[in-house]
Amino acid sequence: MPKLKTRKSAAKRFRPTGSGKKIFRRKAFKNHLLQHKSSERTRRRLSHIALVSEEDEKNVRLMLPYM
């Protein structure tokens, strides 16, 4: 069986939780064009780490075979 390649872009975006059962992700819309976004939105809502939804988790695990 050949070795499987990891999608490097996905490896930089996702990481497993401590138990390895769920996957963490960063929230979107916090990189640029921030001058019109409120501090409540950027600091309070977008700064938190979120979990990947169960529907998308299968696709993420396919991109990261050794996670």
C-alpha atoms as a PDB file:
ATOM      1  CA  MET A   1       0.000   0.000   0.000  1.00  0.00           C
ATOM      2  CA  PRO A   2       1.582   3.321  -0.994  1.00  0.00           C
ATOM      3  CA  LYS A   3       1.879   6.221   1.368  1.00  0.00           C
ATOM      4  CA  LEU A   4      -0.892   8.806   1.184  1.00  0.00           C
ATOM      5  CA  LYS A   5      -0.165  12.471   0.620  1.00  0.00           C
ATOM      6  CA  THR A   6      -1.423  15.101   3.031  1.00  0.00           C
ATOM      7  CA  ARG A   7      -3.022  18.239   1.608  1.00  0.00           C
ATOM      8  CA  LYS A   8      -0.603  20.798   3.033  1.00  0.00           C
ATOM      9  CA  SER A   9      -3.075  23.675   2.856  1.00  0.00           C
ATOM     10  CA  ALA A  10      -5.521  21.676   4.969  1.00  0.00           C
ATOM     11  CA  ALA A  11      -2.784  20.705   7.426  1.00  0.00           C
ATOM     12  CA  LYS A  12      -2.164  24.395   8.127  1.00  0.00           C
ATOM     13  CA  ARG A  13      -5.864  25.133   8.687  1.00  0.00           C
ATOM     14  CA  PHE A  14      -7.105  22.242  10.812  1.00  0.00           C
ATOM     15  CA  ARG A  15      -5.950  20.426  13.939  1.00  0.00           C
ATOM     16  CA  PRO A  16      -7.532  17.693  16.030  1.00  0.00           C
ATOM     17  CA  THR A  17      -8.902  18.143  19.520  1.00  0.00           C
ATOM     18  CA  GLY A  18      -7.183  16.448  22.432  1.00  0.00           C
ATOM     19  CA  SER A  19      -9.153  13.243  22.049  1.00  0.00           C
ATOM     20  CA  GLY A  20      -8.794  13.320  18.262  1.00  0.00           C
ATOM     21  CA  LYS A  21     -12.502  12.826  17.702  1.00  0.00           C
ATOM     22  CA  LYS A  22     -13.298  16.385  16.565  1.00  0.00           C
ATOM     23  CA  ILE A  23     -11.429  18.939  14.437  1.00  0.00           C
ATOM     24  CA  PHE A  24     -10.719  22.590  15.230  1.00  0.00           C
ATOM     25  CA  ARG A  25     -10.786  25.408  12.678  1.00  0.00           C
ATOM     26  CA  ARG A  26     -10.379  29.187  12.698  1.00  0.00           C
ATOM     27  CA  LYS A  27     -13.290  31.434  11.884  1.00  0.00           C
ATOM     28  CA  ALA A  28     -13.312  33.275   8.579  1.00  0.00           C
ATOM     29  CA  PHE A  29     -13.493  37.027   7.774  1.00  0.00           C
ATOM     30  CA  LYS A  30     -10.762  38.243  10.129  1.00  0.00           C
ATOM     31  CA  ASN A  31      -7.858  38.816   7.735  1.00  0.00           C
ATOM     32  CA  HIS A  32      -8.483  42.078   5.873  1.00  0.00           C
ATOM     33  CA  LEU A  33     -11.124  44.761   5.295  1.00  0.00           C
ATOM     34  CA  LEU A  34     -11.444  45.096   9.049  1.00  0.00           C
ATOM     35  CA  GLN A  35     -12.008  48.854   9.258  1.00  0.00           C
ATOM     36  CA  HIS A  36     -15.780  48.608   8.849  1.00  0.00           C
ATOM     37  CA  LYS A  37     -16.226  45.530  11.045  1.00  0.00           C
ATOM     38  CA  SER A  38     -17.063  46.267  14.656  1.00  0.00           C
ATOM     39  CA  SER A  39     -14.719  45.297  17.456  1.00  0.00           C
ATOM     40  CA  GLU A  40     -17.498  43.194  18.940  1.00  0.00           C
ATOM     41  CA  ARG A  41     -17.585  41.199  15.746  1.00  0.00           C
ATOM     42  CA  THR A  42     -13.829  40.815  15.295  1.00  0.00           C
ATOM     43  CA  ARG A  43     -12.746  40.353  18.906  1.00  0.00           C
ATOM     44  CA  ARG A  44     -15.668  38.555  20.450  1.00  0.00           C
ATOM     45  CA  ARG A  45     -17.157  36.479  17.659  1.00  0.00           C
ATOM     46  CA  LEU A  46     -14.439  35.853  15.094  1.00  0.00           C
ATOM     47  CA  SER A  47     -11.511  35.262  17.444  1.00  0.00           C
ATOM     48  CA  HIS A  48     -12.850  32.051  18.895  1.00  0.00           C
ATOM     49  CA  ILE A  49     -11.824  28.677  17.581  1.00  0.00           C
ATOM     50  CA  ALA A  50     -14.701  26.683  16.151  1.00  0.00           C
ATOM     51  CA  LEU A  51     -15.300  23.009  15.490  1.00  0.00           C
ATOM     52  CA  VAL A  52     -15.683  21.660  11.978  1.00  0.00           C
ATOM     53  CA  SER A  53     -19.267  20.582  11.353  1.00  0.00           C
ATOM     54  CA  GLU A  54     -20.019  16.879  11.222  1.00  0.00           C
ATOM     55  CA  GLU A  55     -20.976  17.127   7.538  1.00  0.00           C
ATOM     56  CA  ASP A  56     -17.575  18.587   6.595  1.00  0.00           C
ATOM     57  CA  GLU A  57     -15.507  16.470   8.957  1.00  0.00           C
ATOM     58  CA  LYS A  58     -15.402  13.514   6.570  1.00  0.00           C
ATOM     59  CA  ASN A  59     -13.894  15.654   3.786  1.00  0.00           C
ATOM     60  CA  VAL A  60     -11.296  17.144   6.136  1.00  0.00           C
ATOM     61  CA  ARG A  61     -10.236  13.693   7.310  1.00  0.00           C
ATOM     62  CA  LEU A  62      -9.774  12.603   3.695  1.00  0.00           C
ATOM     63  CA  MET A  63      -7.430  15.557   3.140  1.00  0.00           C
ATOM     64  CA  LEU A  64      -5.468  14.688   6.300  1.00  0.00           C
ATOM     65  CA  PRO A  65      -5.053  10.893   6.271  1.00  0.00           C
ATOM     66  CA  TYR A  66      -2.593  10.785   9.200  1.00  0.00           C
ATOM     67  CA  MET A  67      -4.432  13.101  11.593  1.00  0.00           C
END
